[in-house]
C-alpha atoms as a PDB file:
ATOM      1  CA  MET A   1     120.209 184.115 275.823  1.00  0.00           C
ATOM      2  CA  ARG A   2     120.182 181.698 272.905  1.00  0.00           C
ATOM      3  CA  VAL A   3     119.742 183.128 269.434  1.00  0.00           C
ATOM      4  CA  ALA A   4     118.200 181.337 266.466  1.00  0.00           C
ATOM      5  CA  SER A   5     120.597 178.787 265.017  1.00  0.00           C
ATOM      6  CA  ARG A   6     120.738 177.293 261.563  1.00  0.00           C
ATOM      7  CA  LEU A   7     120.217 173.531 261.384  1.00  0.00           C
ATOM      8  CA  TYR A   8     122.594 171.348 259.370  1.00  0.00           C
ATOM      9  CA  SER A   9     122.211 167.876 257.940  1.00  0.00           C
ATOM     10  CA  ALA A  10     125.056 165.462 258.673  1.00  0.00           C
ATOM     11  CA  ARG A  11     126.450 166.023 255.152  1.00  0.00           C
ATOM     12  CA  GLU A  12     126.321 169.827 255.493  1.00  0.00           C
ATOM     13  CA  MET A  13     127.935 169.649 258.924  1.00  0.00           C
ATOM     14  CA  ALA A  14     130.759 167.443 257.674  1.00  0.00           C
ATOM     15  CA  ASP A  15     131.376 169.587 254.576  1.00  0.00           C
ATOM     16  CA  PHE A  16     131.259 172.851 256.521  1.00  0.00           C
ATOM     17  CA  ALA A  17     133.784 171.671 259.107  1.00  0.00           C
ATOM     18  CA  HIS A  18     136.048 169.879 256.583  1.00  0.00           C
ATOM     19  CA  SER A  19     135.361 166.583 258.334  1.00  0.00           C
ATOM     20  CA  SER A  20     133.996 163.216 257.191  1.00  0.00           C
ATOM     21  CA  LEU A  21     130.549 161.681 257.613  1.00  0.00           C
ATOM     22  CA  LEU A  22     132.132 158.646 259.250  1.00  0.00           C
ATOM     23  CA  CYS A  23     133.891 160.845 261.822  1.00  0.00           C
ATOM     24  CA  LEU A  24     130.670 162.777 262.458  1.00  0.00           C
ATOM     25  CA  GLU A  25     128.678 159.572 262.956  1.00  0.00           C
ATOM     26  CA  TYR A  26     131.251 158.213 265.396  1.00  0.00           C
ATOM     27  CA  LEU A  27     131.412 161.437 267.442  1.00  0.00           C
ATOM     28  CA  THR A  28     127.602 161.388 267.605  1.00  0.00           C
ATOM     29  CA  GLU A  29     127.561 157.734 268.633  1.00  0.00           C
ATOM     30  CA  ILE A  30     129.886 158.403 271.602  1.00  0.00           C
ATOM     31  CA  ASP A  31     127.991 161.601 272.565  1.00  0.00           C
ATOM     32  CA  LEU A  32     130.791 164.049 271.862  1.00  0.00           C
ATOM     33  CA  LEU A  33     128.330 165.646 269.449  1.00  0.00           C
ATOM     34  CA  VAL A  34     124.648 165.733 270.378  1.00  0.00           C
ATOM     35  CA  PRO A  35     122.229 166.453 267.503  1.00  0.00           C
ATOM     36  CA  VAL A  36     119.450 168.883 268.394  1.00  0.00           C
ATOM     37  CA  ARG A  37     116.719 166.953 266.574  1.00  0.00           C
ATOM     38  CA  ARG A  38     115.885 164.473 263.848  1.00  0.00           C
ATOM     39  CA  SER A  39     114.286 165.162 260.491  1.00  0.00           C
ATOM     40  CA  ARG A  40     111.011 163.484 259.511  1.00  0.00           C
ATOM     41  CA  ALA A  41     113.125 160.837 257.800  1.00  0.00           C
ATOM     42  CA  GLY A  42     114.941 160.199 261.103  1.00  0.00           C
ATOM     43  CA  GLN A  43     118.203 161.888 260.102  1.00  0.00           C
ATOM     44  CA  HIS A  44     120.211 163.875 262.647  1.00  0.00           C
ATOM     45  CA  ARG A  45     120.131 167.691 262.569  1.00  0.00           C
ATOM     46  CA  TYR A  46     122.948 169.735 264.098  1.00  0.00           C
ATOM     47  CA  ASP A  47     123.132 173.429 265.056  1.00  0.00           C
ATOM     48  CA  ASP A  48     125.836 176.119 265.153  1.00  0.00           C
ATOM     49  CA  VAL A  49     126.888 175.127 268.668  1.00  0.00           C
ATOM     50  CA  ASN A  50     127.543 171.598 267.363  1.00  0.00           C
ATOM     51  CA  LEU A  51     129.605 173.134 264.555  1.00  0.00           C
ATOM     52  CA  LEU A  52     131.729 175.095 267.033  1.00  0.00           C
ATOM     53  CA  ARG A  53     132.140 171.964 269.163  1.00  0.00           C
ATOM     54  CA  LEU A  54     133.219 169.892 266.143  1.00  0.00           C
ATOM     55  CA  GLN A  55     135.884 172.452 265.333  1.00  0.00           C
ATOM     56  CA  GLN A  56     137.092 172.362 268.942  1.00  0.00           C
ATOM     57  CA  ILE A  57     137.261 168.564 268.791  1.00  0.00           C
ATOM     58  CA  ARG A  58     139.423 168.861 265.674  1.00  0.00           C
ATOM     59  CA  ILE A  59     141.745 171.255 267.528  1.00  0.00           C
ATOM     60  CA  GLY A  60     142.125 168.768 270.362  1.00  0.00           C
ATOM     61  CA  ARG A  61     142.835 165.890 267.976  1.00  0.00           C
ATOM     62  CA  SER A  62     145.432 167.973 266.098  1.00  0.00           C
ATOM     63  CA  ARG A  63     147.211 168.524 269.413  1.00  0.00           C
ATOM     64  CA  GLY A  64     147.440 164.884 270.281  1.00  0.00           C
ATOM     65  CA  LEU A  65     144.558 164.518 272.746  1.00  0.00           C
ATOM     66  CA  ALA A  66     142.503 161.327 272.982  1.00  0.00           C
ATOM     67  CA  LEU A  67     138.743 161.732 272.606  1.00  0.00           C
ATOM     68  CA  GLU A  68     138.110 161.251 276.325  1.00  0.00           C
ATOM     69  CA  GLU A  69     140.710 163.945 277.088  1.00  0.00           C
ATOM     70  CA  ILE A  70     138.874 166.221 274.659  1.00  0.00           C
ATOM     71  CA  ARG A  71     135.594 165.444 276.418  1.00  0.00           C
ATOM     72  CA  ARG A  72     137.120 166.543 279.754  1.00  0.00           C
ATOM     73  CA  TRP A  73     138.689 169.643 278.142  1.00  0.00           C
ATOM     74  CA  LEU A  74     135.339 170.709 276.669  1.00  0.00           C
ATOM     75  CA  ALA A  75     133.537 170.031 279.964  1.00  0.00           C
ATOM     76  CA  ALA A  76     136.106 172.134 281.850  1.00  0.00           C
ATOM     77  CA  GLY A  77     135.768 174.955 279.323  1.00  0.00           C
ATOM     78  CA  ALA A  78     131.995 175.083 279.844  1.00  0.00           C
ATOM     79  CA  HIS A  79     132.497 176.050 283.497  1.00  0.00           C
ATOM     80  CA  GLN A  80     135.638 178.200 283.488  1.00  0.00           C
ATOM     81  CA  ALA A  81     136.361 181.712 282.268  1.00  0.00           C
ATOM     82  CA  ASP A  82     139.220 180.344 280.167  1.00  0.00           C
ATOM     83  CA  MET A  83     139.366 176.916 278.597  1.00  0.00           C
ATOM     84  CA  PRO A  84     142.492 175.013 279.688  1.00  0.00           C
ATOM     85  CA  ARG A  85     145.420 175.663 277.359  1.00  0.00           C
ATOM     86  CA  LEU A  86     146.172 172.897 274.888  1.00  0.00           C
ATOM     87  CA  PRO A  87     149.605 171.897 273.637  1.00  0.00           C
ATOM     88  CA  LEU A  88     150.658 173.626 270.416  1.00  0.00           C
ATOM     89  CA  PRO A  89     149.398 171.932 267.217  1.00  0.00           C
ATOM     90  CA  ARG A  90     151.532 169.378 265.423  1.00  0.00           C
ATOM     91  CA  GLU A  91     150.413 170.969 262.162  1.00  0.00           C
ATOM     92  CA  PRO A  92     148.232 174.001 261.338  1.00  0.00           C
ATOM     93  CA  LEU A  93     144.454 173.643 261.036  1.00  0.00           C
ATOM     94  CA  TYR A  94     142.316 175.401 258.472  1.00  0.00           C
ATOM     95  CA  LEU A  95     139.519 175.935 260.996  1.00  0.00           C
ATOM     96  CA  GLU A  96     140.290 176.816 264.597  1.00  0.00           C
ATOM     97  CA  THR A  97     137.964 178.136 267.260  1.00  0.00           C
ATOM     98  CA  GLU A  98     140.391 178.578 270.116  1.00  0.00           C
ATOM     99  CA  ALA A  99     141.794 182.108 270.141  1.00  0.00           C
ATOM    100  CA  LYS A 100     145.370 182.182 268.861  1.00  0.00           C
ATOM    101  CA  VAL A 101     146.703 183.979 271.922  1.00  0.00           C
ATOM    102  CA  GLU A 102     150.129 182.687 272.895  1.00  0.00           C
ATOM    103  CA  THR A 103     151.979 185.666 274.444  1.00  0.00           C
ATOM    104  CA  PRO A 104     151.095 188.563 276.797  1.00  0.00           C
ATOM    105  CA  ALA A 105     151.375 190.919 273.804  1.00  0.00           C
ATOM    106  CA  ASP A 106     148.910 188.735 271.849  1.00  0.00           C
ATOM    107  CA  HIS A 107     146.515 188.773 274.792  1.00  0.00           C
ATOM    108  CA  ALA A 108     146.688 192.562 275.102  1.00  0.00           C
ATOM    109  CA  ALA A 109     146.126 193.063 271.359  1.00  0.00           C
ATOM    110  CA  PHE A 110     143.268 190.536 271.244  1.00  0.00           C
ATOM    111  CA  THR A 111     141.554 192.075 274.289  1.00  0.00           C
ATOM    112  CA  GLU A 112     141.900 195.645 273.020  1.00  0.00           C
ATOM    113  CA  GLU A 113     140.549 194.734 269.581  1.00  0.00           C
ATOM    114  CA  ALA A 114     137.584 192.787 271.011  1.00  0.00           C
ATOM    115  CA  GLU A 115     136.716 195.546 273.490  1.00  0.00           C
ATOM    116  CA  ARG A 116     136.809 198.182 270.754  1.00  0.00           C
ATOM    117  CA  LEU A 117     134.581 196.109 268.481  1.00  0.00           C
ATOM    118  CA  TYR A 118     131.938 195.265 271.100  1.00  0.00           C
ATOM    119  CA  ALA A 119     131.932 198.723 272.653  1.00  0.00           C
ATOM    120  CA  THR A 120     131.405 200.246 269.196  1.00  0.00           C
ATOM    121  CA  LEU A 121     128.595 197.820 268.411  1.00  0.00           C
ATOM    122  CA  ALA A 122     126.920 198.565 271.754  1.00  0.00           C
ATOM    123  CA  ALA A 123     127.148 202.312 271.094  1.00  0.00           C
ATOM    124  CA  ARG A 124     125.592 201.920 267.625  1.00  0.00           C
ATOM    125  CA  ARG A 125     122.756 199.859 269.127  1.00  0.00           C
ATOM    126  CA  ARG A 126     122.111 202.455 271.859  1.00  0.00           C
ATOM    127  CA  GLY A 127     122.097 205.094 269.110  1.00  0.00           C
ATOM    128  CA  GLY A 128     119.224 203.277 267.408  1.00  0.00           C
ATOM    129  CA  ALA A 129     121.055 201.768 264.420  1.00  0.00           C
ATOM    130  CA  ALA A 130     119.042 198.931 262.891  1.00  0.00           C
ATOM    131  CA  PRO A 131     121.051 195.761 262.109  1.00  0.00           C
ATOM    132  CA  GLU A 132     120.772 196.437 258.371  1.00  0.00           C
ATOM    133  CA  ASP A 133     122.039 200.040 258.716  1.00  0.00           C
ATOM    134  CA  PRO A 134     124.654 200.509 255.933  1.00  0.00           C
ATOM    135  CA  SER A 135     127.096 202.038 258.409  1.00  0.00           C
ATOM    136  CA  LEU A 136     127.268 198.691 260.216  1.00  0.00           C
ATOM    137  CA  ARG A 137     128.588 196.869 257.149  1.00  0.00           C
ATOM    138  CA  LEU A 138     132.090 198.180 257.891  1.00  0.00           C
ATOM    139  CA  TRP A 139     131.712 196.988 261.499  1.00  0.00           C
ATOM    140  CA  ALA A 140     130.718 193.511 260.264  1.00  0.00           C
ATOM    141  CA  GLU A 141     133.745 193.452 257.964  1.00  0.00           C
ATOM    142  CA  ARG A 142     136.022 194.449 260.846  1.00  0.00           C
ATOM    143  CA  HIS A 143     134.501 191.757 263.034  1.00  0.00           C
ATOM    144  CA  CYS A 144     135.146 189.220 260.265  1.00  0.00           C
ATOM    145  CA  CYS A 145     138.784 190.407 260.133  1.00  0.00           C
ATOM    146  CA  HIS A 146     138.964 189.949 263.927  1.00  0.00           C
ATOM    147  CA  ILE A 147     137.725 186.354 263.567  1.00  0.00           C
ATOM    148  CA  ASN A 148     140.179 185.735 260.731  1.00  0.00           C
ATOM    149  CA  ARG A 149     143.066 187.160 262.734  1.00  0.00           C
ATOM    150  CA  TRP A 150     142.437 185.483 266.061  1.00  0.00           C
ATOM    151  CA  PHE A 151     140.288 182.399 265.375  1.00  0.00           C
ATOM    152  CA  CYS A 152     139.966 180.992 261.855  1.00  0.00           C
ATOM    153  CA  PRO A 153     139.845 181.992 258.186  1.00  0.00           C
ATOM    154  CA  CYS A 154     136.185 182.025 257.155  1.00  0.00           C
ATOM    155  CA  GLU A 155     133.837 183.267 254.466  1.00  0.00           C
ATOM    156  CA  ALA A 156     130.713 185.323 255.161  1.00  0.00           C
ATOM    157  CA  HIS A 157     128.385 182.346 255.684  1.00  0.00           C
ATOM    158  CA  GLN A 158     130.928 180.771 258.054  1.00  0.00           C
ATOM    159  CA  HIS A 159     131.295 184.076 259.892  1.00  0.00           C
ATOM    160  CA  LEU A 160     127.555 184.152 260.621  1.00  0.00           C
ATOM    161  CA  ALA A 161     127.613 180.552 261.899  1.00  0.00           C
ATOM    162  CA  PHE A 162     130.625 181.371 264.060  1.00  0.00           C
ATOM    163  CA  GLY A 163     128.829 184.452 265.441  1.00  0.00           C
ATOM    164  CA  ARG A 164     125.714 182.439 266.295  1.00  0.00           C
ATOM    165  CA  ALA A 165     127.794 179.755 267.977  1.00  0.00           C
ATOM    166  CA  MET A 166     129.647 182.342 270.083  1.00  0.00           C
ATOM    167  CA  ALA A 167     126.396 184.064 271.034  1.00  0.00           C
ATOM    168  CA  ASN A 168     124.963 180.725 272.169  1.00  0.00           C
ATOM    169  CA  HIS A 169     128.087 179.668 274.070  1.00  0.00           C
ATOM    170  CA  PRO A 170     127.660 180.391 277.815  1.00  0.00           C
ATOM    171  CA  LEU A 171     131.059 182.061 278.243  1.00  0.00           C
ATOM    172  CA  HIS A 172     131.512 183.787 274.873  1.00  0.00           C
ATOM    173  CA  GLY A 173     127.927 185.015 274.947  1.00  0.00           C
ATOM    174  CA  ALA A 174     128.361 186.394 278.467  1.00  0.00           C
ATOM    175  CA  THR A 175     131.518 188.228 277.387  1.00  0.00           C
ATOM    176  CA  ILE A 176     129.639 189.951 274.547  1.00  0.00           C
ATOM    177  CA  GLU A 177     126.704 190.771 276.852  1.00  0.00           C
ATOM    178  CA  ARG A 178     129.039 192.635 279.220  1.00  0.00           C
ATOM    179  CA  TYR A 179     128.880 195.487 276.714  1.00  0.00           C
ATOM    180  CA  GLY A 180     125.095 195.582 276.624  1.00  0.00           C
ATOM    181  CA  GLN A 181     122.059 193.425 277.326  1.00  0.00           C
ATOM    182  CA  LEU A 182     121.000 191.374 274.282  1.00  0.00           C
ATOM    183  CA  LEU A 183     124.103 192.541 272.387  1.00  0.00           C
ATOM    184  CA  ALA A 184     124.912 188.966 271.303  1.00  0.00           C
ATOM    185  CA  ASP A 185     121.523 188.717 269.597  1.00  0.00           C
ATOM    186  CA  TYR A 186     122.065 192.123 267.946  1.00  0.00           C
ATOM    187  CA  LEU A 187     125.526 191.008 266.741  1.00  0.00           C
ATOM    188  CA  VAL A 188     123.991 187.982 265.015  1.00  0.00           C
ATOM    189  CA  GLN A 189     121.314 190.174 263.401  1.00  0.00           C
ATOM    190  CA  VAL A 190     124.019 192.532 262.083  1.00  0.00           C
ATOM    191  CA  LEU A 191     126.054 189.658 260.654  1.00  0.00           C
ATOM    192  CA  ALA A 192     122.959 188.155 259.024  1.00  0.00           C
ATOM    193  CA  ALA A 193     121.858 191.488 257.551  1.00  0.00           C
ATOM    194  CA  HIS A 194     125.225 192.218 256.017  1.00  0.00           C
ATOM    195  CA  ARG A 195     125.835 188.708 254.778  1.00  0.00           C
ATOM    196  CA  ASP A 196     122.557 188.973 252.870  1.00  0.00           C
ATOM    197  CA  ALA A 197     123.488 192.429 251.577  1.00  0.00           C
ATOM    198  CA  ALA A 198     126.836 191.179 250.323  1.00  0.00           C
ATOM    199  CA  ALA A 199     125.206 188.187 248.630  1.00  0.00           C
ATOM    200  CA  ALA A 200     122.682 190.469 246.887  1.00  0.00           C
ATOM    201  CA  ALA A 201     125.296 192.946 245.630  1.00  0.00           C
ATOM    202  CA  PRO A 202     125.948 192.841 241.838  1.00  0.00           C
END
């Protein structure tokens, strides 16, 4: 199930993903990025799924893949439980969206942490906790730490965009939903509620 996504102008998209407008325009021109709509002035508008895809494209480029190889990698990842492994990066990226799981021990730690987080969130939802429940702020902070540890360093507004993109991704969303129907949507509501709470705090 798709959840509501924020829309970004080309400038916002480029700034958010630490990319350039020229790069964004080229990726759009060759259909590696597909805007979701145009503004009244005819300008492209992108969503959180585009943002996640742009970050994945940057990962592929950092690992020496040509754009057509990246296109095939992304297409394969849309239909498989695990995206094909990429070669290690030539240099570290600030934003990554592929889980940093390189060893069996990493995989076990990542899986255990994710299962604990989503099982806890599902239990809180079954218990009737509203997304803005103060007790869920700690959960949101732990989820942000999980993203920072295994995916990318991000601030609260980036965390929400990342959560929406994962919820809307066919495979990531399905993984979250294994712990409860509509849990991906609830996760996004929790992240939004606690981002707003943090922004409003003195």
